[in-house]
Amino acid sequence: MASQSQGIQQLLQAEKRAAEKVAEARKRKNRRLKQAKEEAQAEIEQYRLQREKEFKTKEAAALGSHGNSAVEVDRDTAERMGRIQNSYRGNREAVLGELLRRVCDIQPEFHANYRVAG
């Protein structure tokens, strides 16, 4: 009976060691999976940054001419606005004088379609 008891004890200890080894293997597996996931995330982030950089480069190349056009349009608009302002300042007095002259110079006359009844 003692040998049977010892055999059971050894069997239980062996089972316990096997369970510990399985638990340790699972922990190692989980650590490896976590590490692989972190490495994959880092690789994805690096790839995303690289593609974003390429996109910005291509965007700058494509919009470079558009950017120059926008600057040119802005400059042209400012130049035209300047000419309009100068024209306004130069002609304002003459236009106001002519307008006042026409408003104040009243010459009564009959309308072309007016007919005298009778």
PDB file of N, CA and C in Angstrom:
ATOM      1  N   MET A   1       0.809  -1.183   0.000  1.00  0.00           N
ATOM      2  CA  MET A   1       0.000   0.000   0.000  1.00  0.00           C
ATOM      3  C   MET A   1       0.865   1.265   0.000  1.00  0.00           C
ATOM      4  N   ALA A   2       1.960   1.214   0.706  1.00  0.00           N
ATOM      5  CA  ALA A   2       2.838   2.366   0.768  1.00  0.00           C
ATOM      6  C   ALA A   2       3.426   2.662  -0.602  1.00  0.00           C
ATOM      7  N   SER A   3       3.741   1.592  -1.329  1.00  0.00           N
ATOM      8  CA  SER A   3       4.302   1.816  -2.652  1.00  0.00           C
ATOM      9  C   SER A   3       3.238   2.353  -3.594  1.00  0.00           C
ATOM     10  N   GLN A   4       2.016   1.905  -3.376  1.00  0.00           N
ATOM     11  CA  GLN A   4       0.923   2.421  -4.190  1.00  0.00           C
ATOM     12  C   GLN A   4       0.684   3.896  -3.884  1.00  0.00           C
ATOM     13  N   SER A   5       0.774   4.238  -2.622  1.00  0.00           N
ATOM     14  CA  SER A   5       0.615   5.611  -2.183  1.00  0.00           C
ATOM     15  C   SER A   5       1.730   6.480  -2.767  1.00  0.00           C
ATOM     16  N   GLN A   6       2.933   5.937  -2.745  1.00  0.00           N
ATOM     17  CA  GLN A   6       4.066   6.684  -3.320  1.00  0.00           C
ATOM     18  C   GLN A   6       3.876   6.852  -4.833  1.00  0.00           C
ATOM     19  N   GLY A   7       3.383   5.845  -5.491  1.00  0.00           N
ATOM     20  CA  GLY A   7       3.147   5.906  -6.937  1.00  0.00           C
ATOM     21  C   GLY A   7       2.117   6.977  -7.279  1.00  0.00           C
ATOM     22  N   ILE A   8       1.064   7.044  -6.443  1.00  0.00           N
ATOM     23  CA  ILE A   8       0.030   8.058  -6.657  1.00  0.00           C
ATOM     24  C   ILE A   8       0.616   9.439  -6.437  1.00  0.00           C
ATOM     25  N   GLN A   9       1.439   9.562  -5.376  1.00  0.00           N
ATOM     26  CA  GLN A   9       2.093  10.836  -5.074  1.00  0.00           C
ATOM     27  C   GLN A   9       2.973  11.269  -6.250  1.00  0.00           C
ATOM     28  N   GLN A  10       3.751  10.344  -6.773  1.00  0.00           N
ATOM     29  CA  GLN A  10       4.622  10.664  -7.906  1.00  0.00           C
ATOM     30  C   GLN A  10       3.794  11.043  -9.138  1.00  0.00           C
ATOM     31  N   LEU A  11       2.699  10.323  -9.327  1.00  0.00           N
ATOM     32  CA  LEU A  11       1.823  10.616 -10.455  1.00  0.00           C
ATOM     33  C   LEU A  11       1.210  12.004 -10.325  1.00  0.00           C
ATOM     34  N   LEU A  12       0.778  12.357  -9.103  1.00  0.00           N
ATOM     35  CA  LEU A  12       0.218  13.688  -8.862  1.00  0.00           C
ATOM     36  C   LEU A  12       1.276  14.772  -9.070  1.00  0.00           C
ATOM     37  N   GLN A  13       2.492  14.503  -8.603  1.00  0.00           N
ATOM     38  CA  GLN A  13       3.574  15.478  -8.782  1.00  0.00           C
ATOM     39  C   GLN A  13       3.910  15.642 -10.264  1.00  0.00           C
ATOM     40  N   ALA A  14       3.926  14.532 -10.980  1.00  0.00           N
ATOM     41  CA  ALA A  14       4.213  14.593 -12.412  1.00  0.00           C
ATOM     42  C   ALA A  14       3.103  15.367 -13.131  1.00  0.00           C
ATOM     43  N   GLU A  15       1.871  15.131 -12.713  1.00  0.00           N
ATOM     44  CA  GLU A  15       0.748  15.850 -13.309  1.00  0.00           C
ATOM     45  C   GLU A  15       0.848  17.341 -13.006  1.00  0.00           C
ATOM     46  N   LYS A  16       1.253  17.650 -11.785  1.00  0.00           N
ATOM     47  CA  LYS A  16       1.408  19.056 -11.383  1.00  0.00           C
ATOM     48  C   LYS A  16       2.504  19.726 -12.203  1.00  0.00           C
ATOM     49  N   ARG A  17       3.649  19.009 -12.379  1.00  0.00           N
ATOM     50  CA  ARG A  17       4.739  19.567 -13.184  1.00  0.00           C
ATOM     51  C   ARG A  17       4.297  19.750 -14.631  1.00  0.00           C
ATOM     52  N   ALA A  18       3.536  18.805 -15.145  1.00  0.00           N
ATOM     53  CA  ALA A  18       3.038  18.911 -16.521  1.00  0.00           C
ATOM     54  C   ALA A  18       2.104  20.120 -16.653  1.00  0.00           C
ATOM     55  N   ALA A  19       1.240  20.311 -15.665  1.00  0.00           N
ATOM     56  CA  ALA A  19       0.336  21.458 -15.694  1.00  0.00           C
ATOM     57  C   ALA A  19       1.128  22.756 -15.622  1.00  0.00           C
ATOM     58  N   GLU A  20       2.185  22.798 -14.818  1.00  0.00           N
ATOM     59  CA  GLU A  20       3.033  23.991 -14.722  1.00  0.00           C
ATOM     60  C   GLU A  20       3.732  24.263 -16.061  1.00  0.00           C
ATOM     61  N   LYS A  21       4.223  23.174 -16.692  1.00  0.00           N
ATOM     62  CA  LYS A  21       4.881  23.336 -17.993  1.00  0.00           C
ATOM     63  C   LYS A  21       3.900  23.854 -19.047  1.00  0.00           C
ATOM     64  N   VAL A  22       2.668  23.327 -19.015  1.00  0.00           N
ATOM     65  CA  VAL A  22       1.651  23.782 -19.963  1.00  0.00           C
ATOM     66  C   VAL A  22       1.330  25.254 -19.721  1.00  0.00           C
ATOM     67  N   ALA A  23       1.193  25.627 -18.424  1.00  0.00           N
ATOM     68  CA  ALA A  23       0.894  27.024 -18.085  1.00  0.00           C
ATOM     69  C   ALA A  23       2.039  27.926 -18.529  1.00  0.00           C
ATOM     70  N   GLU A  24       3.268  27.484 -18.303  1.00  0.00           N
ATOM     71  CA  GLU A  24       4.442  28.273 -18.720  1.00  0.00           C
ATOM     72  C   GLU A  24       4.490  28.389 -20.243  1.00  0.00           C
ATOM     73  N   ALA A  25       4.175  27.301 -20.945  1.00  0.00           N
ATOM     74  CA  ALA A  25       4.161  27.335 -22.413  1.00  0.00           C
ATOM     75  C   ALA A  25       3.095  28.317 -22.903  1.00  0.00           C
ATOM     76  N   ARG A  26       1.934  28.333 -22.257  1.00  0.00           N
ATOM     77  CA  ARG A  26       0.880  29.271 -22.643  1.00  0.00           C
ATOM     78  C   ARG A  26       1.328  30.710 -22.416  1.00  0.00           C
ATOM     79  N   LYS A  27       2.007  30.953 -21.308  1.00  0.00           N
ATOM     80  CA  LYS A  27       2.509  32.303 -21.017  1.00  0.00           C
ATOM     81  C   LYS A  27       3.507  32.735 -22.083  1.00  0.00           C
ATOM     82  N   ARG A  28       4.425  31.807 -22.435  1.00  0.00           N
ATOM     83  CA  ARG A  28       5.416  32.131 -23.478  1.00  0.00           C
ATOM     84  C   ARG A  28       4.721  32.421 -24.804  1.00  0.00           C
ATOM     85  N   LYS A  29       3.714  31.587 -25.118  1.00  0.00           N
ATOM     86  CA  LYS A  29       2.967  31.786 -26.361  1.00  0.00           C
ATOM     87  C   LYS A  29       2.273  33.143 -26.355  1.00  0.00           C
ATOM     88  N   ASN A  30       1.634  33.502 -25.254  1.00  0.00           N
ATOM     89  CA  ASN A  30       0.959  34.804 -25.161  1.00  0.00           C
ATOM     90  C   ASN A  30       1.954  35.954 -25.275  1.00  0.00           C
ATOM     91  N   ARG A  31       3.134  35.806 -24.649  1.00  0.00           N
ATOM     92  CA  ARG A  31       4.169  36.844 -24.769  1.00  0.00           C
ATOM     93  C   ARG A  31       4.624  36.990 -26.213  1.00  0.00           C
ATOM     94  N   ARG A  32       4.832  35.834 -26.896  1.00  0.00           N
ATOM     95  CA  ARG A  32       5.263  35.884 -28.302  1.00  0.00           C
ATOM     96  C   ARG A  32       4.183  36.540 -29.169  1.00  0.00           C
ATOM     97  N   LEU A  33       2.910  36.201 -28.918  1.00  0.00           N
ATOM     98  CA  LEU A  33       1.831  36.814 -29.687  1.00  0.00           C
ATOM     99  C   LEU A  33       1.770  38.316 -29.449  1.00  0.00           C
ATOM    100  N   LYS A  34       1.915  38.710 -28.196  1.00  0.00           N
ATOM    101  CA  LYS A  34       1.882  40.139 -27.869  1.00  0.00           C
ATOM    102  C   LYS A  34       3.045  40.866 -28.537  1.00  0.00           C
ATOM    103  N   GLN A  35       4.227  40.248 -28.491  1.00  0.00           N
ATOM    104  CA  GLN A  35       5.410  40.851 -29.113  1.00  0.00           C
ATOM    105  C   GLN A  35       5.207  40.945 -30.638  1.00  0.00           C
ATOM    106  N   ALA A  36       4.668  39.885 -31.231  1.00  0.00           N
ATOM    107  CA  ALA A  36       4.428  39.897 -32.682  1.00  0.00           C
ATOM    108  C   ALA A  36       3.415  40.983 -33.043  1.00  0.00           C
ATOM    109  N   LYS A  37       2.389  41.137 -32.214  1.00  0.00           N
ATOM    110  CA  LYS A  37       1.390  42.170 -32.468  1.00  0.00           C
ATOM    111  C   LYS A  37       2.018  43.554 -32.396  1.00  0.00           C
ATOM    112  N   GLU A  38       2.858  43.798 -31.384  1.00  0.00           N
ATOM    113  CA  GLU A  38       3.527  45.094 -31.244  1.00  0.00           C
ATOM    114  C   GLU A  38       4.441  45.364 -32.432  1.00  0.00           C
ATOM    115  N   GLU A  39       5.172  44.323 -32.874  1.00  0.00           N
ATOM    116  CA  GLU A  39       6.052  44.486 -34.031  1.00  0.00           C
ATOM    117  C   GLU A  39       5.242  44.794 -35.291  1.00  0.00           C
ATOM    118  N   ALA A  40       4.113  44.110 -35.432  1.00  0.00           N
ATOM    119  CA  ALA A  40       3.259  44.355 -36.594  1.00  0.00           C
ATOM    120  C   ALA A  40       2.706  45.773 -36.552  1.00  0.00           C
ATOM    121  N   GLN A  41       2.294  46.233 -35.383  1.00  0.00           N
ATOM    122  CA  GLN A  41       1.778  47.606 -35.256  1.00  0.00           C
ATOM    123  C   GLN A  41       2.867  48.617 -35.624  1.00  0.00           C
ATOM    124  N   ALA A  42       4.084  48.380 -35.152  1.00  0.00           N
ATOM    125  CA  ALA A  42       5.189  49.290 -35.472  1.00  0.00           C
ATOM    126  C   ALA A  42       5.457  49.290 -36.977  1.00  0.00           C
ATOM    127  N   GLU A  43       5.416  48.115 -37.587  1.00  0.00           N
ATOM    128  CA  GLU A  43       5.648  48.013 -39.022  1.00  0.00           C
ATOM    129  C   GLU A  43       4.539  48.716 -39.804  1.00  0.00           C
ATOM    130  N   ILE A  44       3.309  48.539 -39.350  1.00  0.00           N
ATOM    131  CA  ILE A  44       2.174  49.209 -39.999  1.00  0.00           C
ATOM    132  C   ILE A  44       2.319  50.724 -39.886  1.00  0.00           C
ATOM    133  N   GLU A  45       2.692  51.198 -38.714  1.00  0.00           N
ATOM    134  CA  GLU A  45       2.859  52.644 -38.502  1.00  0.00           C
ATOM    135  C   GLU A  45       3.975  53.192 -39.399  1.00  0.00           C
ATOM    136  N   GLN A  46       5.073  52.449 -39.495  1.00  0.00           N
ATOM    137  CA  GLN A  46       6.182  52.872 -40.337  1.00  0.00           C
ATOM    138  C   GLN A  46       5.743  52.916 -41.809  1.00  0.00           C
ATOM    139  N   TYR A  47       5.015  51.911 -42.255  1.00  0.00           N
ATOM    140  CA  TYR A  47       4.525  51.875 -43.627  1.00  0.00           C
ATOM    141  C   TYR A  47       3.568  53.042 -43.886  1.00  0.00           C
ATOM    142  N   ARG A  48       2.671  53.294 -42.912  1.00  0.00           N
ATOM    143  CA  ARG A  48       1.718  54.397 -43.059  1.00  0.00           C
ATOM    144  C   ARG A  48       2.446  55.726 -43.181  1.00  0.00           C
ATOM    145  N   LEU A  49       3.471  55.945 -42.344  1.00  0.00           N
ATOM    146  CA  LEU A  49       4.240  57.188 -42.409  1.00  0.00           C
ATOM    147  C   LEU A  49       4.956  57.331 -43.747  1.00  0.00           C
ATOM    148  N   GLN A  50       5.500  56.211 -44.237  1.00  0.00           N
ATOM    149  CA  GLN A  50       6.195  56.243 -45.527  1.00  0.00           C
ATOM    150  C   GLN A  50       5.218  56.602 -46.646  1.00  0.00           C
ATOM    151  N   ARG A  51       4.046  55.970 -46.662  1.00  0.00           N
ATOM    152  CA  ARG A  51       3.058  56.253 -47.701  1.00  0.00           C
ATOM    153  C   ARG A  51       2.535  57.676 -47.588  1.00  0.00           C
ATOM    154  N   GLU A  52       2.370  58.150 -46.379  1.00  0.00           N
ATOM    155  CA  GLU A  52       1.907  59.524 -46.169  1.00  0.00           C
ATOM    156  C   GLU A  52       2.937  60.515 -46.702  1.00  0.00           C
ATOM    157  N   LYS A  53       4.208  60.212 -46.459  1.00  0.00           N
ATOM    158  CA  LYS A  53       5.281  61.078 -46.954  1.00  0.00           C
ATOM    159  C   LYS A  53       5.287  61.091 -48.481  1.00  0.00           C
ATOM    160  N   GLU A  54       5.136  59.924 -49.097  1.00  0.00           N
ATOM    161  CA  GLU A  54       5.080  59.847 -50.562  1.00  0.00           C
ATOM    162  C   GLU A  54       3.885  60.625 -51.097  1.00  0.00           C
ATOM    163  N   PHE A  55       2.739  60.498 -50.415  1.00  0.00           N
ATOM    164  CA  PHE A  55       1.546  61.218 -50.846  1.00  0.00           C
ATOM    165  C   PHE A  55       1.777  62.721 -50.780  1.00  0.00           C
ATOM    166  N   LYS A  56       2.355  63.188 -49.680  1.00  0.00           N
ATOM    167  CA  LYS A  56       2.587  64.624 -49.531  1.00  0.00           C
ATOM    168  C   LYS A  56       3.550  65.123 -50.609  1.00  0.00           C
ATOM    169  N   THR A  57       4.547  64.310 -50.944  1.00  0.00           N
ATOM    170  CA  THR A  57       5.484  64.689 -51.990  1.00  0.00           C
ATOM    171  C   THR A  57       4.767  64.818 -53.334  1.00  0.00           C
ATOM    172  N   LYS A  58       3.946  63.810 -53.653  1.00  0.00           N
ATOM    173  CA  LYS A  58       3.201  63.850 -54.916  1.00  0.00           C
ATOM    174  C   LYS A  58       2.190  64.991 -54.916  1.00  0.00           C
ATOM    175  N   GLU A  59       1.555  65.223 -53.776  1.00  0.00           N
ATOM    176  CA  GLU A  59       0.583  66.306 -53.668  1.00  0.00           C
ATOM    177  C   GLU A  59       1.265  67.655 -53.881  1.00  0.00           C
ATOM    178  N   ALA A  60       2.436  67.815 -53.274  1.00  0.00           N
ATOM    179  CA  ALA A  60       3.168  69.073 -53.437  1.00  0.00           C
ATOM    180  C   ALA A  60       3.579  69.272 -54.893  1.00  0.00           C
ATOM    181  N   ALA A  61       3.988  68.177 -55.540  1.00  0.00           N
ATOM    182  CA  ALA A  61       4.379  68.284 -56.947  1.00  0.00           C
ATOM    183  C   ALA A  61       3.174  68.638 -57.816  1.00  0.00           C
ATOM    184  N   ALA A  62       2.036  68.022 -57.527  1.00  0.00           N
ATOM    185  CA  ALA A  62       0.836  68.276 -58.329  1.00  0.00           C
ATOM    186  C   ALA A  62       0.267  69.661 -58.052  1.00  0.00           C
ATOM    187  N   LEU A  63       0.289  70.069 -56.801  1.00  0.00           N
ATOM    188  CA  LEU A  63      -0.289  71.355 -56.446  1.00  0.00           C
ATOM    189  C   LEU A  63       0.702  72.502 -56.567  1.00  0.00           C
ATOM    190  N   GLY A  64       1.952  72.173 -56.849  1.00  0.00           N
ATOM    191  CA  GLY A  64       2.952  73.227 -56.974  1.00  0.00           C
ATOM    192  C   GLY A  64       2.553  74.242 -58.022  1.00  0.00           C
ATOM    193  N   SER A  65       2.112  73.749 -59.179  1.00  0.00           N
ATOM    194  CA  SER A  65       1.699  74.664 -60.231  1.00  0.00           C
ATOM    195  C   SER A  65       0.411  75.377 -59.838  1.00  0.00           C
ATOM    196  N   HIS A  66      -0.479  74.663 -59.130  1.00  0.00           N
ATOM    197  CA  HIS A  66      -1.716  75.304 -58.683  1.00  0.00           C
ATOM    198  C   HIS A  66      -1.421  76.369 -57.636  1.00  0.00           C
ATOM    199  N   GLY A  67      -0.466  76.090 -56.778  1.00  0.00           N
ATOM    200  CA  GLY A  67      -0.093  77.067 -55.762  1.00  0.00           C
ATOM    201  C   GLY A  67       0.441  78.333 -56.402  1.00  0.00           C
ATOM    202  N   ASN A  68       1.258  78.181 -57.451  1.00  0.00           N
ATOM    203  CA  ASN A  68       1.776  79.342 -58.167  1.00  0.00           C
ATOM    204  C   ASN A  68       0.639  80.077 -58.863  1.00  0.00           C
ATOM    205  N   SER A  69      -0.319  79.335 -59.387  1.00  0.00           N
ATOM    206  CA  SER A  69      -1.464  79.970 -60.042  1.00  0.00           C
ATOM    207  C   SER A  69      -2.256  80.797 -59.046  1.00  0.00           C
ATOM    208  N   ALA A  70      -2.436  80.252 -57.850  1.00  0.00           N
ATOM    209  CA  ALA A  70      -3.191  80.977 -56.823  1.00  0.00           C
ATOM    210  C   ALA A  70      -2.479  82.271 -56.460  1.00  0.00           C
ATOM    211  N   VAL A  71      -1.167  82.214 -56.328  1.00  0.00           N
ATOM    212  CA  VAL A  71      -0.398  83.420 -56.016  1.00  0.00           C
ATOM    213  C   VAL A  71      -0.514  84.414 -57.155  1.00  0.00           C
ATOM    214  N   GLU A  72      -0.442  83.908 -58.377  1.00  0.00           N
ATOM    215  CA  GLU A  72      -0.541  84.779 -59.547  1.00  0.00           C
ATOM    216  C   GLU A  72      -1.921  85.426 -59.638  1.00  0.00           C
ATOM    217  N   VAL A  73      -2.969  84.646 -59.362  1.00  0.00           N
ATOM    218  CA  VAL A  73      -4.337  85.177 -59.386  1.00  0.00           C
ATOM    219  C   VAL A  73      -4.500  86.228 -58.298  1.00  0.00           C
ATOM    220  N   ASP A  74      -3.985  85.954 -57.119  1.00  0.00           N
ATOM    221  CA  ASP A  74      -4.064  86.938 -56.027  1.00  0.00           C
ATOM    222  C   ASP A  74      -3.356  88.237 -56.395  1.00  0.00           C
ATOM    223  N   ARG A  75      -2.178  88.101 -56.979  1.00  0.00           N
ATOM    224  CA  ARG A  75      -1.420  89.284 -57.379  1.00  0.00           C
ATOM    225  C   ARG A  75      -2.176  90.064 -58.455  1.00  0.00           C
ATOM    226  N   ASP A  76      -2.737  89.350 -59.440  1.00  0.00           N
ATOM    227  CA  ASP A  76      -3.496  89.994 -60.510  1.00  0.00           C
ATOM    228  C   ASP A  76      -4.731  90.692 -59.947  1.00  0.00           C
ATOM    229  N   THR A  77      -5.399  90.039 -59.013  1.00  0.00           N
ATOM    230  CA  THR A  77      -6.589  90.640 -58.393  1.00  0.00           C
ATOM    231  C   THR A  77      -6.221  91.907 -57.637  1.00  0.00           C
ATOM    232  N   ALA A  78      -5.134  91.858 -56.876  1.00  0.00           N
ATOM    233  CA  ALA A  78      -4.699  93.040 -56.127  1.00  0.00           C
ATOM    234  C   ALA A  78      -4.352  94.178 -57.085  1.00  0.00           C
ATOM    235  N   GLU A  79      -3.713  93.831 -58.200  1.00  0.00           N
ATOM    236  CA  GLU A  79      -3.351  94.851 -59.188  1.00  0.00           C
ATOM    237  C   GLU A  79      -4.606  95.490 -59.800  1.00  0.00           C
ATOM    238  N   ARG A  80      -5.580  94.664 -60.156  1.00  0.00           N
ATOM    239  CA  ARG A  80      -6.821  95.190 -60.729  1.00  0.00           C
ATOM    240  C   ARG A  80      -7.569  96.049 -59.713  1.00  0.00           C
ATOM    241  N   MET A  81      -7.617  95.603 -58.472  1.00  0.00           N
ATOM    242  CA  MET A  81      -8.290  96.382 -57.429  1.00  0.00           C
ATOM    243  C   MET A  81      -7.601  97.738 -57.263  1.00  0.00           C
ATOM    244  N   GLY A  82      -6.289  97.762 -57.357  1.00  0.00           N
ATOM    245  CA  GLY A  82      -5.550  99.017 -57.268  1.00  0.00           C
ATOM    246  C   GLY A  82      -5.918  99.960 -58.402  1.00  0.00           C
ATOM    247  N   ARG A  83      -6.003  99.399 -59.624  1.00  0.00           N
ATOM    248  CA  ARG A  83      -6.386 100.243 -60.770  1.00  0.00           C
ATOM    249  C   ARG A  83      -7.809 100.776 -60.616  1.00  0.00           C
ATOM    250  N   ILE A  84      -8.710  99.924 -60.129  1.00  0.00           N
ATOM    251  CA  ILE A  84     -10.100 100.366 -59.925  1.00  0.00           C
ATOM    252  C   ILE A  84     -10.157 101.468 -58.873  1.00  0.00           C
ATOM    253  N   GLN A  85      -9.414 101.306 -57.783  1.00  0.00           N
ATOM    254  CA  GLN A  85      -9.390 102.328 -56.725  1.00  0.00           C
ATOM    255  C   GLN A  85      -8.845 103.647 -57.279  1.00  0.00           C
ATOM    256  N   ASN A  86      -7.774 103.583 -58.049  1.00  0.00           N
ATOM    257  CA  ASN A  86      -7.203 104.805 -58.638  1.00  0.00           C
ATOM    258  C   ASN A  86      -8.192 105.470 -59.586  1.00  0.00           C
ATOM    259  N   SER A  87      -8.877 104.671 -60.398  1.00  0.00           N
ATOM    260  CA  SER A  87      -9.879 105.219 -61.313  1.00  0.00           C
ATOM    261  C   SER A  87     -11.003 105.870 -60.531  1.00  0.00           C
ATOM    262  N   TYR A  88     -11.435 105.229 -59.464  1.00  0.00           N
ATOM    263  CA  TYR A  88     -12.502 105.783 -58.620  1.00  0.00           C
ATOM    264  C   TYR A  88     -12.087 107.134 -58.040  1.00  0.00           C
ATOM    265  N   ARG A  89     -10.881 107.172 -57.463  1.00  0.00           N
ATOM    266  CA  ARG A  89     -10.408 108.429 -56.866  1.00  0.00           C
ATOM    267  C   ARG A  89     -10.279 109.535 -57.913  1.00  0.00           C
ATOM    268  N   GLY A  90      -9.815 109.173 -59.098  1.00  0.00           N
ATOM    269  CA  GLY A  90      -9.604 110.173 -60.142  1.00  0.00           C
ATOM    270  C   GLY A  90     -10.896 110.692 -60.752  1.00  0.00           C
ATOM    271  N   ASN A  91     -11.922 109.870 -60.837  1.00  0.00           N
ATOM    272  CA  ASN A  91     -13.160 110.255 -61.525  1.00  0.00           C
ATOM    273  C   ASN A  91     -14.302 110.615 -60.587  1.00  0.00           C
ATOM    274  N   ARG A  92     -14.137 110.440 -59.297  1.00  0.00           N
ATOM    275  CA  ARG A  92     -15.226 110.658 -58.354  1.00  0.00           C
ATOM    276  C   ARG A  92     -15.765 112.090 -58.415  1.00  0.00           C
ATOM    277  N   GLU A  93     -14.885 113.049 -58.354  1.00  0.00           N
ATOM    278  CA  GLU A  93     -15.316 114.452 -58.336  1.00  0.00           C
ATOM    279  C   GLU A  93     -16.024 114.827 -59.630  1.00  0.00           C
ATOM    280  N   ALA A  94     -15.490 114.387 -60.753  1.00  0.00           N
ATOM    281  CA  ALA A  94     -16.096 114.728 -62.039  1.00  0.00           C
ATOM    282  C   ALA A  94     -17.479 114.095 -62.160  1.00  0.00           C
ATOM    283  N   VAL A  95     -17.630 112.849 -61.748  1.00  0.00           N
ATOM    284  CA  VAL A  95     -18.922 112.160 -61.832  1.00  0.00           C
ATOM    285  C   VAL A  95     -19.929 112.816 -60.903  1.00  0.00           C
ATOM    286  N   LEU A  96     -19.534 113.123 -59.669  1.00  0.00           N
ATOM    287  CA  LEU A  96     -20.451 113.785 -58.733  1.00  0.00           C
ATOM    288  C   LEU A  96     -20.860 115.158 -59.248  1.00  0.00           C
ATOM    289  N   GLY A  97     -19.912 115.908 -59.818  1.00  0.00           N
ATOM    290  CA  GLY A  97     -20.231 117.230 -60.381  1.00  0.00           C
ATOM    291  C   GLY A  97     -21.230 117.110 -61.515  1.00  0.00           C
ATOM    292  N   GLU A  98     -21.017 116.156 -62.424  1.00  0.00           N
ATOM    293  CA  GLU A  98     -21.944 115.960 -63.545  1.00  0.00           C
ATOM    294  C   GLU A  98     -23.318 115.527 -63.051  1.00  0.00           C
ATOM    295  N   LEU A  99     -23.357 114.651 -62.068  1.00  0.00           N
ATOM    296  CA  LEU A  99     -24.626 114.193 -61.513  1.00  0.00           C
ATOM    297  C   LEU A  99     -25.392 115.346 -60.868  1.00  0.00           C
ATOM    298  N   LEU A 100     -24.692 116.152 -60.068  1.00  0.00           N
ATOM    299  CA  LEU A 100     -25.341 117.302 -59.437  1.00  0.00           C
ATOM    300  C   LEU A 100     -25.810 118.313 -60.481  1.00  0.00           C
ATOM    301  N   ARG A 101     -25.023 118.540 -61.518  1.00  0.00           N
ATOM    302  CA  ARG A 101     -25.408 119.478 -62.571  1.00  0.00           C
ATOM    303  C   ARG A 101     -26.691 119.011 -63.241  1.00  0.00           C
ATOM    304  N   ARG A 102     -26.778 117.732 -63.559  1.00  0.00           N
ATOM    305  CA  ARG A 102     -27.976 117.210 -64.229  1.00  0.00           C
ATOM    306  C   ARG A 102     -29.201 117.240 -63.311  1.00  0.00           C
ATOM    307  N   VAL A 103     -28.999 116.963 -62.029  1.00  0.00           N
ATOM    308  CA  VAL A 103     -30.123 116.962 -61.088  1.00  0.00           C
ATOM    309  C   VAL A 103     -30.609 118.389 -60.839  1.00  0.00           C
ATOM    310  N   CYS A 104     -29.690 119.311 -60.738  1.00  0.00           N
ATOM    311  CA  CYS A 104     -30.066 120.688 -60.412  1.00  0.00           C
ATOM    312  C   CYS A 104     -30.498 121.501 -61.635  1.00  0.00           C
ATOM    313  N   ASP A 105     -30.124 121.113 -62.829  1.00  0.00           N
ATOM    314  CA  ASP A 105     -30.477 121.836 -64.047  1.00  0.00           C
ATOM    315  C   ASP A 105     -31.797 121.267 -64.581  1.00  0.00           C
ATOM    316  N   ILE A 106     -32.894 121.833 -64.093  1.00  0.00           N
ATOM    317  CA  ILE A 106     -34.211 121.333 -64.463  1.00  0.00           C
ATOM    318  C   ILE A 106     -34.716 122.123 -65.666  1.00  0.00           C
ATOM    319  N   GLN A 107     -35.078 121.442 -66.720  1.00  0.00           N
ATOM    320  CA  GLN A 107     -35.642 122.068 -67.912  1.00  0.00           C
ATOM    321  C   GLN A 107     -36.985 121.388 -68.170  1.00  0.00           C
ATOM    322  N   PRO A 108     -38.057 122.065 -67.795  1.00  0.00           N
ATOM    323  CA  PRO A 108     -39.367 121.446 -67.996  1.00  0.00           C
ATOM    324  C   PRO A 108     -39.689 121.328 -69.478  1.00  0.00           C
ATOM    325  N   GLU A 109     -40.227 120.203 -69.866  1.00  0.00           N
ATOM    326  CA  GLU A 109     -40.639 119.963 -71.241  1.00  0.00           C
ATOM    327  C   GLU A 109     -41.679 118.854 -71.237  1.00  0.00           C
ATOM    328  N   PHE A 110     -42.445 118.796 -72.277  1.00  0.00           N
ATOM    329  CA  PHE A 110     -43.466 117.760 -72.391  1.00  0.00           C
ATOM    330  C   PHE A 110     -42.819 116.460 -72.826  1.00  0.00           C
ATOM    331  N   HIS A 111     -43.419 115.397 -72.359  1.00  0.00           N
ATOM    332  CA  HIS A 111     -42.957 114.066 -72.769  1.00  0.00           C
ATOM    333  C   HIS A 111     -43.304 113.843 -74.229  1.00  0.00           C
ATOM    334  N   ALA A 112     -42.562 113.057 -74.912  1.00  0.00           N
ATOM    335  CA  ALA A 112     -42.772 112.831 -76.337  1.00  0.00           C
ATOM    336  C   ALA A 112     -44.129 112.204 -76.620  1.00  0.00           C
ATOM    337  N   ASN A 113     -44.687 111.447 -75.718  1.00  0.00           N
ATOM    338  CA  ASN A 113     -45.967 110.768 -75.914  1.00  0.00           C
ATOM    339  C   ASN A 113     -47.163 111.594 -75.407  1.00  0.00           C
ATOM    340  N   TYR A 114     -46.894 112.769 -74.916  1.00  0.00           N
ATOM    341  CA  TYR A 114     -47.992 113.602 -74.378  1.00  0.00           C
ATOM    342  C   TYR A 114     -48.808 114.176 -75.512  1.00  0.00           C
ATOM    343  N   ARG A 115     -50.161 114.071 -75.388  1.00  0.00           N
ATOM    344  CA  ARG A 115     -51.050 114.632 -76.394  1.00  0.00           C
ATOM    345  C   ARG A 115     -52.010 115.589 -75.697  1.00  0.00           C
ATOM    346  N   VAL A 116     -52.203 116.665 -76.313  1.00  0.00           N
ATOM    347  CA  VAL A 116     -53.130 117.654 -75.760  1.00  0.00           C
ATOM    348  C   VAL A 116     -54.529 117.227 -76.165  1.00  0.00           C
ATOM    349  N   ALA A 117     -55.394 117.090 -75.175  1.00  0.00           N
ATOM    350  CA  ALA A 117     -56.774 116.670 -75.469  1.00  0.00           C
ATOM    351  C   ALA A 117     -57.574 117.878 -75.951  1.00  0.00           C
ATOM    352  N   GLY A 118     -58.311 117.695 -76.951  1.00  0.00           N
ATOM    353  CA  GLY A 118     -59.213 118.774 -77.294  1.00  0.00           C
ATOM    354  C   GLY A 118     -59.165 119.266 -78.631  1.00  0.00           C
TER     355      GLY A 118
END
